[in-house]
Amino acid sequence: MASRSPLEARAAWSTSAARLTAVAVSVRDGHSIAFLGDARGTLRKVYLGRDGRVEVYANTTIQINSPISGDLLLDQTGTHIYVMTKTTVRTQTWRYGALEAFQSFYV
């Protein structure tokens, strides 16, 4: 999209550990959870509070040194997230408190 007026914003969270490559966000009952994938194969679950509070709830390595694809996908119920790298597809059940079981499919 093009605009004559630039949008200015401050990053809610950042890391110098790796370049972010993927973002998916779920909003339930007024709570926002961001799933952030990076170039080193890590998926982070981050709480974004209304008051500006940001908390990394959990992180897990999907595939070491393999960038997370930008195609993060939440299912219709919002309880499973599909995470892809170049050679792996994983589905994960999650709830607001934690990341839970992973199932891996290799291509």
PDB file of N, CA and C in Angstrom:
ATOM      1  N   MET A   1       0.835  -1.177   0.000  1.00  0.00           N
ATOM      2  CA  MET A   1       0.000   0.000   0.000  1.00  0.00           C
ATOM      3  C   MET A   1       0.879   1.239   0.000  1.00  0.00           C
ATOM      4  N   ALA A   2       0.462   2.213  -0.695  1.00  0.00           N
ATOM      5  CA  ALA A   2       1.197   3.465  -0.751  1.00  0.00           C
ATOM      6  C   ALA A   2       0.420   4.545  -0.010  1.00  0.00           C
ATOM      7  N   SER A   3       1.147   5.484   0.555  1.00  0.00           N
ATOM      8  CA  SER A   3       0.518   6.578   1.271  1.00  0.00           C
ATOM      9  C   SER A   3       1.441   7.785   1.256  1.00  0.00           C
ATOM     10  N   ARG A   4       0.854   8.952   1.263  1.00  0.00           N
ATOM     11  CA  ARG A   4       1.655  10.175   1.338  1.00  0.00           C
ATOM     12  C   ARG A   4       2.087  10.442   2.774  1.00  0.00           C
ATOM     13  N   SER A   5       1.384   9.873   3.723  1.00  0.00           N
ATOM     14  CA  SER A   5       1.704  10.069   5.136  1.00  0.00           C
ATOM     15  C   SER A   5       2.321   8.792   5.693  1.00  0.00           C
ATOM     16  N   PRO A   6       3.587   8.838   6.086  1.00  0.00           N
ATOM     17  CA  PRO A   6       4.206   7.620   6.630  1.00  0.00           C
ATOM     18  C   PRO A   6       3.615   7.256   7.983  1.00  0.00           C
ATOM     19  N   LEU A   7       3.593   5.990   8.256  1.00  0.00           N
ATOM     20  CA  LEU A   7       3.135   5.486   9.541  1.00  0.00           C
ATOM     21  C   LEU A   7       4.348   5.361  10.440  1.00  0.00           C
ATOM     22  N   GLU A   8       4.308   6.021  11.563  1.00  0.00           N
ATOM     23  CA  GLU A   8       5.402   5.941  12.511  1.00  0.00           C
ATOM     24  C   GLU A   8       4.964   5.117  13.708  1.00  0.00           C
ATOM     25  N   ALA A   9       5.845   4.227  14.149  1.00  0.00           N
ATOM     26  CA  ALA A   9       5.518   3.368  15.284  1.00  0.00           C
ATOM     27  C   ALA A   9       6.795   2.962  15.997  1.00  0.00           C
ATOM     28  N   ARG A  10       6.629   2.536  17.224  1.00  0.00           N
ATOM     29  CA  ARG A  10       7.742   2.037  18.023  1.00  0.00           C
ATOM     30  C   ARG A  10       7.588   0.527  18.108  1.00  0.00           C
ATOM     31  N   ALA A  11       8.692  -0.178  17.968  1.00  0.00           N
ATOM     32  CA  ALA A  11       8.658  -1.639  18.062  1.00  0.00           C
ATOM     33  C   ALA A  11       8.209  -2.050  19.463  1.00  0.00           C
ATOM     34  N   ALA A  12       7.264  -2.990  19.537  1.00  0.00           N
ATOM     35  CA  ALA A  12       6.798  -3.488  20.830  1.00  0.00           C
ATOM     36  C   ALA A  12       7.826  -4.415  21.459  1.00  0.00           C
ATOM     37  N   TRP A  13       8.547  -5.157  20.625  1.00  0.00           N
ATOM     38  CA  TRP A  13       9.566  -6.104  21.096  1.00  0.00           C
ATOM     39  C   TRP A  13      10.584  -6.297  19.993  1.00  0.00           C
ATOM     40  N   SER A  14      11.825  -6.466  20.362  1.00  0.00           N
ATOM     41  CA  SER A  14      12.859  -6.750  19.368  1.00  0.00           C
ATOM     42  C   SER A  14      13.925  -7.622  20.010  1.00  0.00           C
ATOM     43  N   THR A  15      14.753  -8.208  19.157  1.00  0.00           N
ATOM     44  CA  THR A  15      15.846  -9.045  19.620  1.00  0.00           C
ATOM     45  C   THR A  15      17.032  -8.860  18.699  1.00  0.00           C
ATOM     46  N   SER A  16      18.213  -8.975  19.260  1.00  0.00           N
ATOM     47  CA  SER A  16      19.409  -8.936  18.429  1.00  0.00           C
ATOM     48  C   SER A  16      19.927 -10.354  18.172  1.00  0.00           C
ATOM     49  N   ALA A  17      19.229 -11.357  18.729  1.00  0.00           N
ATOM     50  CA  ALA A  17      19.662 -12.750  18.589  1.00  0.00           C
ATOM     51  C   ALA A  17      19.537 -13.261  17.159  1.00  0.00           C
ATOM     52  N   ALA A  18      18.490 -12.858  16.452  1.00  0.00           N
ATOM     53  CA  ALA A  18      18.276 -13.321  15.080  1.00  0.00           C
ATOM     54  C   ALA A  18      17.257 -12.410  14.399  1.00  0.00           C
ATOM     55  N   ARG A  19      17.309 -12.367  13.093  1.00  0.00           N
ATOM     56  CA  ARG A  19      16.362 -11.578  12.296  1.00  0.00           C
ATOM     57  C   ARG A  19      14.999 -12.269  12.294  1.00  0.00           C
ATOM     58  N   LEU A  20      13.944 -11.509  12.566  1.00  0.00           N
ATOM     59  CA  LEU A  20      12.597 -12.084  12.525  1.00  0.00           C
ATOM     60  C   LEU A  20      12.178 -12.317  11.080  1.00  0.00           C
ATOM     61  N   THR A  21      11.574 -13.479  10.813  1.00  0.00           N
ATOM     62  CA  THR A  21      11.182 -13.843   9.458  1.00  0.00           C
ATOM     63  C   THR A  21       9.686 -14.120   9.329  1.00  0.00           C
ATOM     64  N   ALA A  22       8.965 -14.239  10.466  1.00  0.00           N
ATOM     65  CA  ALA A  22       7.553 -14.612  10.402  1.00  0.00           C
ATOM     66  C   ALA A  22       6.798 -14.047  11.599  1.00  0.00           C
ATOM     67  N   VAL A  23       5.547 -13.637  11.344  1.00  0.00           N
ATOM     68  CA  VAL A  23       4.687 -13.113  12.402  1.00  0.00           C
ATOM     69  C   VAL A  23       3.270 -13.621  12.189  1.00  0.00           C
ATOM     70  N   ALA A  24       2.650 -14.102  13.274  1.00  0.00           N
ATOM     71  CA  ALA A  24       1.221 -14.419  13.279  1.00  0.00           C
ATOM     72  C   ALA A  24       0.694 -13.928  14.617  1.00  0.00           C
ATOM     73  N   VAL A  25      -0.528 -13.373  14.627  1.00  0.00           N
ATOM     74  CA  VAL A  25      -1.096 -12.826  15.853  1.00  0.00           C
ATOM     75  C   VAL A  25      -2.484 -13.401  16.078  1.00  0.00           C
ATOM     76  N   SER A  26      -2.766 -13.732  17.328  1.00  0.00           N
ATOM     77  CA  SER A  26      -4.088 -14.202  17.735  1.00  0.00           C
ATOM     78  C   SER A  26      -4.602 -13.275  18.820  1.00  0.00           C
ATOM     79  N   VAL A  27      -5.872 -12.880  18.711  1.00  0.00           N
ATOM     80  CA  VAL A  27      -6.493 -12.037  19.728  1.00  0.00           C
ATOM     81  C   VAL A  27      -7.706 -12.777  20.263  1.00  0.00           C
ATOM     82  N   ARG A  28      -7.716 -12.987  21.579  1.00  0.00           N
ATOM     83  CA  ARG A  28      -8.835 -13.652  22.252  1.00  0.00           C
ATOM     84  C   ARG A  28      -9.140 -12.930  23.541  1.00  0.00           C
ATOM     85  N   ASP A  29     -10.400 -12.669  23.776  1.00  0.00           N
ATOM     86  CA  ASP A  29     -10.830 -12.042  25.025  1.00  0.00           C
ATOM     87  C   ASP A  29      -9.998 -10.807  25.356  1.00  0.00           C
ATOM     88  N   GLY A  30      -9.626 -10.038  24.335  1.00  0.00           N
ATOM     89  CA  GLY A  30      -8.873  -8.821  24.548  1.00  0.00           C
ATOM     90  C   GLY A  30      -7.387  -9.005  24.771  1.00  0.00           C
ATOM     91  N   HIS A  31      -6.891 -10.228  24.662  1.00  0.00           N
ATOM     92  CA  HIS A  31      -5.465 -10.503  24.832  1.00  0.00           C
ATOM     93  C   HIS A  31      -4.840 -10.793  23.468  1.00  0.00           C
ATOM     94  N   SER A  32      -3.690 -10.182  23.199  1.00  0.00           N
ATOM     95  CA  SER A  32      -3.001 -10.402  21.934  1.00  0.00           C
ATOM     96  C   SER A  32      -1.760 -11.247  22.172  1.00  0.00           C
ATOM     97  N   ILE A  33      -1.630 -12.318  21.382  1.00  0.00           N
ATOM     98  CA  ILE A  33      -0.466 -13.187  21.430  1.00  0.00           C
ATOM     99  C   ILE A  33       0.170 -13.172  20.045  1.00  0.00           C
ATOM    100  N   ALA A  34       1.455 -12.860  20.001  1.00  0.00           N
ATOM    101  CA  ALA A  34       2.188 -12.869  18.732  1.00  0.00           C
ATOM    102  C   ALA A  34       3.105 -14.084  18.693  1.00  0.00           C
ATOM    103  N   PHE A  35       3.127 -14.754  17.571  1.00  0.00           N
ATOM    104  CA  PHE A  35       4.066 -15.841  17.321  1.00  0.00           C
ATOM    105  C   PHE A  35       5.108 -15.281  16.372  1.00  0.00           C
ATOM    106  N   LEU A  36       6.371 -15.319  16.784  1.00  0.00           N
ATOM    107  CA  LEU A  36       7.452 -14.716  16.014  1.00  0.00           C
ATOM    108  C   LEU A  36       8.480 -15.774  15.659  1.00  0.00           C
ATOM    109  N   GLY A  37       8.684 -15.989  14.368  1.00  0.00           N
ATOM    110  CA  GLY A  37       9.690 -16.935  13.896  1.00  0.00           C
ATOM    111  C   GLY A  37      10.930 -16.184  13.453  1.00  0.00           C
ATOM    112  N   ASP A  38      12.091 -16.824  13.591  1.00  0.00           N
ATOM    113  CA  ASP A  38      13.320 -16.124  13.217  1.00  0.00           C
ATOM    114  C   ASP A  38      14.185 -16.930  12.253  1.00  0.00           C
ATOM    115  N   ALA A  39      15.276 -16.314  11.839  1.00  0.00           N
ATOM    116  CA  ALA A  39      16.170 -16.903  10.841  1.00  0.00           C
ATOM    117  C   ALA A  39      16.964 -18.086  11.380  1.00  0.00           C
ATOM    118  N   ARG A  40      16.985 -18.270  12.675  1.00  0.00           N
ATOM    119  CA  ARG A  40      17.709 -19.389  13.284  1.00  0.00           C
ATOM    120  C   ARG A  40      16.810 -20.568  13.618  1.00  0.00           C
ATOM    121  N   GLY A  41      15.535 -20.496  13.214  1.00  0.00           N
ATOM    122  CA  GLY A  41      14.629 -21.617  13.410  1.00  0.00           C
ATOM    123  C   GLY A  41      13.890 -21.630  14.730  1.00  0.00           C
ATOM    124  N   THR A  42      13.851 -20.509  15.429  1.00  0.00           N
ATOM    125  CA  THR A  42      13.175 -20.428  16.717  1.00  0.00           C
ATOM    126  C   THR A  42      11.808 -19.772  16.566  1.00  0.00           C
ATOM    127  N   LEU A  43      10.812 -20.319  17.257  1.00  0.00           N
ATOM    128  CA  LEU A  43       9.476 -19.734  17.316  1.00  0.00           C
ATOM    129  C   LEU A  43       9.258 -19.232  18.735  1.00  0.00           C
ATOM    130  N   ARG A  44       8.883 -17.959  18.862  1.00  0.00           N
ATOM    131  CA  ARG A  44       8.614 -17.358  20.162  1.00  0.00           C
ATOM    132  C   ARG A  44       7.140 -17.036  20.285  1.00  0.00           C
ATOM    133  N   LYS A  45       6.625 -17.188  21.489  1.00  0.00           N
ATOM    134  CA  LYS A  45       5.251 -16.809  21.807  1.00  0.00           C
ATOM    135  C   LYS A  45       5.324 -15.600  22.730  1.00  0.00           C
ATOM    136  N   VAL A  46       4.752 -14.469  22.289  1.00  0.00           N
ATOM    137  CA  VAL A  46       4.912 -13.206  22.992  1.00  0.00           C
ATOM    138  C   VAL A  46       3.545 -12.615  23.314  1.00  0.00           C
ATOM    139  N   TYR A  47       3.329 -12.275  24.597  1.00  0.00           N
ATOM    140  CA  TYR A  47       2.102 -11.605  25.033  1.00  0.00           C
ATOM    141  C   TYR A  47       2.264 -10.110  24.815  1.00  0.00           C
ATOM    142  N   LEU A  48       1.277  -9.485  24.181  1.00  0.00           N
ATOM    143  CA  LEU A  48       1.279  -8.043  23.950  1.00  0.00           C
ATOM    144  C   LEU A  48       0.138  -7.440  24.750  1.00  0.00           C
ATOM    145  N   GLY A  49       0.445  -6.805  25.881  1.00  0.00           N
ATOM    146  CA  GLY A  49      -0.575  -6.246  26.763  1.00  0.00           C
ATOM    147  C   GLY A  49      -1.103  -4.915  26.282  1.00  0.00           C
ATOM    148  N   ARG A  50      -2.315  -4.598  26.676  1.00  0.00           N
ATOM    149  CA  ARG A  50      -2.929  -3.319  26.306  1.00  0.00           C
ATOM    150  C   ARG A  50      -2.145  -2.134  26.859  1.00  0.00           C
ATOM    151  N   ASP A  51      -1.501  -2.348  27.998  1.00  0.00           N
ATOM    152  CA  ASP A  51      -0.758  -1.276  28.658  1.00  0.00           C
ATOM    153  C   ASP A  51       0.663  -1.132  28.119  1.00  0.00           C
ATOM    154  N   GLY A  52       0.989  -1.865  27.059  1.00  0.00           N
ATOM    155  CA  GLY A  52       2.315  -1.810  26.481  1.00  0.00           C
ATOM    156  C   GLY A  52       3.273  -2.852  27.038  1.00  0.00           C
ATOM    157  N   ARG A  53       2.796  -3.629  28.014  1.00  0.00           N
ATOM    158  CA  ARG A  53       3.633  -4.685  28.575  1.00  0.00           C
ATOM    159  C   ARG A  53       3.817  -5.781  27.541  1.00  0.00           C
ATOM    160  N   VAL A  54       5.058  -6.257  27.422  1.00  0.00           N
ATOM    161  CA  VAL A  54       5.393  -7.328  26.486  1.00  0.00           C
ATOM    162  C   VAL A  54       6.123  -8.412  27.266  1.00  0.00           C
ATOM    163  N   GLU A  55       5.688  -9.658  27.085  1.00  0.00           N
ATOM    164  CA  GLU A  55       6.318 -10.766  27.804  1.00  0.00           C
ATOM    165  C   GLU A  55       6.483 -11.960  26.871  1.00  0.00           C
ATOM    166  N   VAL A  56       7.719 -12.464  26.771  1.00  0.00           N
ATOM    167  CA  VAL A  56       7.970 -13.677  26.001  1.00  0.00           C
ATOM    168  C   VAL A  56       7.557 -14.850  26.886  1.00  0.00           C
ATOM    169  N   TYR A  57       6.493 -15.559  26.455  1.00  0.00           N
ATOM    170  CA  TYR A  57       5.977 -16.684  27.240  1.00  0.00           C
ATOM    171  C   TYR A  57       6.818 -17.934  27.058  1.00  0.00           C
ATOM    172  N   ALA A  58       7.180 -18.199  25.833  1.00  0.00           N
ATOM    173  CA  ALA A  58       7.872 -19.455  25.537  1.00  0.00           C
ATOM    174  C   ALA A  58       8.607 -19.321  24.222  1.00  0.00           C
ATOM    175  N   ASN A  59       9.571 -20.194  24.019  1.00  0.00           N
ATOM    176  CA  ASN A  59      10.198 -20.310  22.712  1.00  0.00           C
ATOM    177  C   ASN A  59      10.623 -21.752  22.525  1.00  0.00           C
ATOM    178  N   THR A  60      10.658 -22.133  21.278  1.00  0.00           N
ATOM    179  CA  THR A  60      11.040 -23.494  20.931  1.00  0.00           C
ATOM    180  C   THR A  60      11.767 -23.476  19.598  1.00  0.00           C
ATOM    181  N   THR A  61      12.717 -24.366  19.435  1.00  0.00           N
ATOM    182  CA  THR A  61      13.433 -24.472  18.171  1.00  0.00           C
ATOM    183  C   THR A  61      12.691 -25.438  17.262  1.00  0.00           C
ATOM    184  N   ILE A  62      12.337 -24.970  16.079  1.00  0.00           N
ATOM    185  CA  ILE A  62      11.642 -25.803  15.100  1.00  0.00           C
ATOM    186  C   ILE A  62      12.656 -26.635  14.337  1.00  0.00           C
ATOM    187  N   GLN A  63      13.673 -25.975  13.789  1.00  0.00           N
ATOM    188  CA  GLN A  63      14.762 -26.651  13.086  1.00  0.00           C
ATOM    189  C   GLN A  63      15.975 -25.730  13.168  1.00  0.00           C
ATOM    190  N   ILE A  64      17.038 -26.213  13.778  1.00  0.00           N
ATOM    191  CA  ILE A  64      18.220 -25.391  14.033  1.00  0.00           C
ATOM    192  C   ILE A  64      18.766 -24.789  12.742  1.00  0.00           C
ATOM    193  N   ASN A  65      18.995 -23.482  12.773  1.00  0.00           N
ATOM    194  CA  ASN A  65      19.589 -22.706  11.668  1.00  0.00           C
ATOM    195  C   ASN A  65      18.820 -22.795  10.357  1.00  0.00           C
ATOM    196  N   SER A  66      17.515 -23.038  10.442  1.00  0.00           N
ATOM    197  CA  SER A  66      16.665 -23.044   9.252  1.00  0.00           C
ATOM    198  C   SER A  66      15.566 -21.997   9.464  1.00  0.00           C
ATOM    199  N   PRO A  67      15.546 -20.934   8.669  1.00  0.00           N
ATOM    200  CA  PRO A  67      14.593 -19.847   8.897  1.00  0.00           C
ATOM    201  C   PRO A  67      13.136 -20.321   8.903  1.00  0.00           C
ATOM    202  N   ILE A  68      12.355 -19.754   9.813  1.00  0.00           N
ATOM    203  CA  ILE A  68      10.917 -20.004   9.845  1.00  0.00           C
ATOM    204  C   ILE A  68      10.304 -19.269   8.659  1.00  0.00           C
ATOM    205  N   SER A  69       9.469 -19.964   7.897  1.00  0.00           N
ATOM    206  CA  SER A  69       8.796 -19.361   6.747  1.00  0.00           C
ATOM    207  C   SER A  69       7.804 -18.298   7.212  1.00  0.00           C
ATOM    208  N   GLY A  70       7.630 -17.282   6.412  1.00  0.00           N
ATOM    209  CA  GLY A  70       6.659 -16.232   6.705  1.00  0.00           C
ATOM    210  C   GLY A  70       5.228 -16.706   6.666  1.00  0.00           C
ATOM    211  N   ASP A  71       5.002 -17.955   6.284  1.00  0.00           N
ATOM    212  CA  ASP A  71       3.656 -18.507   6.161  1.00  0.00           C
ATOM    213  C   ASP A  71       3.181 -19.172   7.452  1.00  0.00           C
ATOM    214  N   LEU A  72       3.343 -18.509   8.602  1.00  0.00           N
ATOM    215  CA  LEU A  72       2.771 -19.038   9.845  1.00  0.00           C
ATOM    216  C   LEU A  72       1.259 -19.007   9.702  1.00  0.00           C
ATOM    217  N   LEU A  73       0.597 -20.048  10.163  1.00  0.00           N
ATOM    218  CA  LEU A  73      -0.845 -20.141   9.972  1.00  0.00           C
ATOM    219  C   LEU A  73      -1.506 -20.683  11.230  1.00  0.00           C
ATOM    220  N   LEU A  74      -2.522 -19.979  11.719  1.00  0.00           N
ATOM    221  CA  LEU A  74      -3.350 -20.461  12.823  1.00  0.00           C
ATOM    222  C   LEU A  74      -4.597 -21.103  12.229  1.00  0.00           C
ATOM    223  N   ASP A  75      -5.052 -22.218  12.822  1.00  0.00           N
ATOM    224  CA  ASP A  75      -6.273 -22.839  12.321  1.00  0.00           C
ATOM    225  C   ASP A  75      -7.493 -22.019  12.724  1.00  0.00           C
ATOM    226  N   GLN A  76      -8.681 -22.427  12.250  1.00  0.00           N
ATOM    227  CA  GLN A  76      -9.906 -21.661  12.499  1.00  0.00           C
ATOM    228  C   GLN A  76     -10.252 -21.545  13.971  1.00  0.00           C
ATOM    229  N   THR A  77      -9.903 -22.553  14.759  1.00  0.00           N
ATOM    230  CA  THR A  77     -10.212 -22.499  16.190  1.00  0.00           C
ATOM    231  C   THR A  77      -9.174 -21.698  16.957  1.00  0.00           C
ATOM    232  N   GLY A  78      -8.024 -21.428  16.341  1.00  0.00           N
ATOM    233  CA  GLY A  78      -6.966 -20.684  16.992  1.00  0.00           C
ATOM    234  C   GLY A  78      -6.182 -21.494  18.001  1.00  0.00           C
ATOM    235  N   THR A  79      -6.310 -22.819  17.947  1.00  0.00           N
ATOM    236  CA  THR A  79      -5.610 -23.661  18.925  1.00  0.00           C
ATOM    237  C   THR A  79      -4.400 -24.385  18.339  1.00  0.00           C
ATOM    238  N   HIS A  80      -4.219 -24.329  17.033  1.00  0.00           N
ATOM    239  CA  HIS A  80      -3.066 -24.960  16.393  1.00  0.00           C
ATOM    240  C   HIS A  80      -2.381 -23.935  15.499  1.00  0.00           C
ATOM    241  N   ILE A  81      -1.063 -23.958  15.527  1.00  0.00           N
ATOM    242  CA  ILE A  81      -0.294 -23.110  14.627  1.00  0.00           C
ATOM    243  C   ILE A  81       0.571 -24.024  13.757  1.00  0.00           C
ATOM    244  N   TYR A  82       0.615 -23.718  12.481  1.00  0.00           N
ATOM    245  CA  TYR A  82       1.406 -24.483  11.522  1.00  0.00           C
ATOM    246  C   TYR A  82       2.660 -23.679  11.208  1.00  0.00           C
ATOM    247  N   VAL A  83       3.804 -24.302  11.403  1.00  0.00           N
ATOM    248  CA  VAL A  83       5.093 -23.640  11.268  1.00  0.00           C
ATOM    249  C   VAL A  83       5.909 -24.391  10.221  1.00  0.00           C
ATOM    250  N   MET A  84       6.476 -23.650   9.266  1.00  0.00           N
ATOM    251  CA  MET A  84       7.240 -24.288   8.202  1.00  0.00           C
ATOM    252  C   MET A  84       8.648 -23.721   8.118  1.00  0.00           C
ATOM    253  N   THR A  85       9.581 -24.620   7.767  1.00  0.00           N
ATOM    254  CA  THR A  85      10.927 -24.232   7.371  1.00  0.00           C
ATOM    255  C   THR A  85      11.104 -24.790   5.966  1.00  0.00           C
ATOM    256  N   LYS A  86      12.310 -24.783   5.453  1.00  0.00           N
ATOM    257  CA  LYS A  86      12.543 -25.288   4.094  1.00  0.00           C
ATOM    258  C   LYS A  86      12.219 -26.777   3.973  1.00  0.00           C
ATOM    259  N   THR A  87      12.456 -27.557   5.033  1.00  0.00           N
ATOM    260  CA  THR A  87      12.272 -29.008   4.940  1.00  0.00           C
ATOM    261  C   THR A  87      11.319 -29.585   5.973  1.00  0.00           C
ATOM    262  N   THR A  88      10.689 -28.750   6.813  1.00  0.00           N
ATOM    263  CA  THR A  88       9.848 -29.253   7.892  1.00  0.00           C
ATOM    264  C   THR A  88       8.543 -28.493   7.971  1.00  0.00           C
ATOM    265  N   VAL A  89       7.464 -29.213   8.265  1.00  0.00           N
ATOM    266  CA  VAL A  89       6.185 -28.600   8.609  1.00  0.00           C
ATOM    267  C   VAL A  89       5.825 -29.136   9.983  1.00  0.00           C
ATOM    268  N   ARG A  90       5.522 -28.245  10.911  1.00  0.00           N
ATOM    269  CA  ARG A  90       5.123 -28.675  12.252  1.00  0.00           C
ATOM    270  C   ARG A  90       3.792 -28.058  12.603  1.00  0.00           C
ATOM    271  N   THR A  91       2.996 -28.809  13.326  1.00  0.00           N
ATOM    272  CA  THR A  91       1.769 -28.267  13.888  1.00  0.00           C
ATOM    273  C   THR A  91       1.908 -28.344  15.396  1.00  0.00           C
ATOM    274  N   GLN A  92       1.419 -27.325  16.049  1.00  0.00           N
ATOM    275  CA  GLN A  92       1.569 -27.253  17.488  1.00  0.00           C
ATOM    276  C   GLN A  92       0.259 -26.829  18.115  1.00  0.00           C
ATOM    277  N   THR A  93      -0.131 -27.541  19.153  1.00  0.00           N
ATOM    278  CA  THR A  93      -1.269 -27.137  19.956  1.00  0.00           C
ATOM    279  C   THR A  93      -0.758 -26.127  20.962  1.00  0.00           C
ATOM    280  N   TRP A  94      -1.499 -25.050  21.165  1.00  0.00           N
ATOM    281  CA  TRP A  94      -1.054 -24.069  22.140  1.00  0.00           C
ATOM    282  C   TRP A  94      -2.235 -23.558  22.932  1.00  0.00           C
ATOM    283  N   ARG A  95      -1.909 -23.042  24.098  1.00  0.00           N
ATOM    284  CA  ARG A  95      -2.880 -22.353  24.930  1.00  0.00           C
ATOM    285  C   ARG A  95      -2.177 -21.111  25.450  1.00  0.00           C
ATOM    286  N   TYR A  96      -2.886 -20.207  26.087  1.00  0.00           N
ATOM    287  CA  TYR A  96      -2.290 -18.933  26.471  1.00  0.00           C
ATOM    288  C   TYR A  96      -1.127 -19.066  27.428  1.00  0.00           C
ATOM    289  N   GLY A  97      -1.086 -20.071  28.254  1.00  0.00           N
ATOM    290  CA  GLY A  97       0.000 -20.203  29.209  1.00  0.00           C
ATOM    291  C   GLY A  97       1.263 -20.833  28.651  1.00  0.00           C
ATOM    292  N   ALA A  98       1.156 -21.641  27.593  1.00  0.00           N
ATOM    293  CA  ALA A  98       2.344 -22.391  27.173  1.00  0.00           C
ATOM    294  C   ALA A  98       2.226 -22.886  25.747  1.00  0.00           C
ATOM    295  N   LEU A  99       3.364 -23.229  25.193  1.00  0.00           N
ATOM    296  CA  LEU A  99       3.409 -23.970  23.943  1.00  0.00           C
ATOM    297  C   LEU A  99       3.328 -25.435  24.329  1.00  0.00           C
ATOM    298  N   GLU A 100       2.563 -26.207  23.611  1.00  0.00           N
ATOM    299  CA  GLU A 100       2.393 -27.613  23.966  1.00  0.00           C
ATOM    300  C   GLU A 100       2.993 -28.521  22.908  1.00  0.00           C
ATOM    301  N   ALA A 101       2.403 -29.669  22.713  1.00  0.00           N
ATOM    302  CA  ALA A 101       2.985 -30.737  21.884  1.00  0.00           C
ATOM    303  C   ALA A 101       3.156 -30.331  20.425  1.00  0.00           C
ATOM    304  N   PHE A 102       4.287 -30.738  19.861  1.00  0.00           N
ATOM    305  CA  PHE A 102       4.580 -30.547  18.442  1.00  0.00           C
ATOM    306  C   PHE A 102       4.448 -31.865  17.706  1.00  0.00           C
ATOM    307  N   GLN A 103       3.990 -31.803  16.480  1.00  0.00           N
ATOM    308  CA  GLN A 103       4.059 -32.949  15.570  1.00  0.00           C
ATOM    309  C   GLN A 103       4.862 -32.461  14.375  1.00  0.00           C
ATOM    310  N   SER A 104       5.825 -33.233  13.930  1.00  0.00           N
ATOM    311  CA  SER A 104       6.666 -32.831  12.809  1.00  0.00           C
ATOM    312  C   SER A 104       6.375 -33.666  11.573  1.00  0.00           C
ATOM    313  N   PHE A 105       6.451 -33.020  10.428  1.00  0.00           N
ATOM    314  CA  PHE A 105       6.327 -33.677   9.141  1.00  0.00           C
ATOM    315  C   PHE A 105       7.483 -33.184   8.307  1.00  0.00           C
ATOM    316  N   TYR A 106       8.309 -34.076   7.807  1.00  0.00           N
ATOM    317  CA  TYR A 106       9.473 -33.682   7.018  1.00  0.00           C
ATOM    318  C   TYR A 106       9.171 -33.865   5.539  1.00  0.00           C
ATOM    319  N   VAL A 107       9.617 -32.916   4.737  1.00  0.00           N
ATOM    320  CA  VAL A 107       9.403 -32.984   3.295  1.00  0.00           C
ATOM    321  C   VAL A 107      10.716 -33.200   2.590  1.00  0.00           C
TER     322      VAL A 107
END
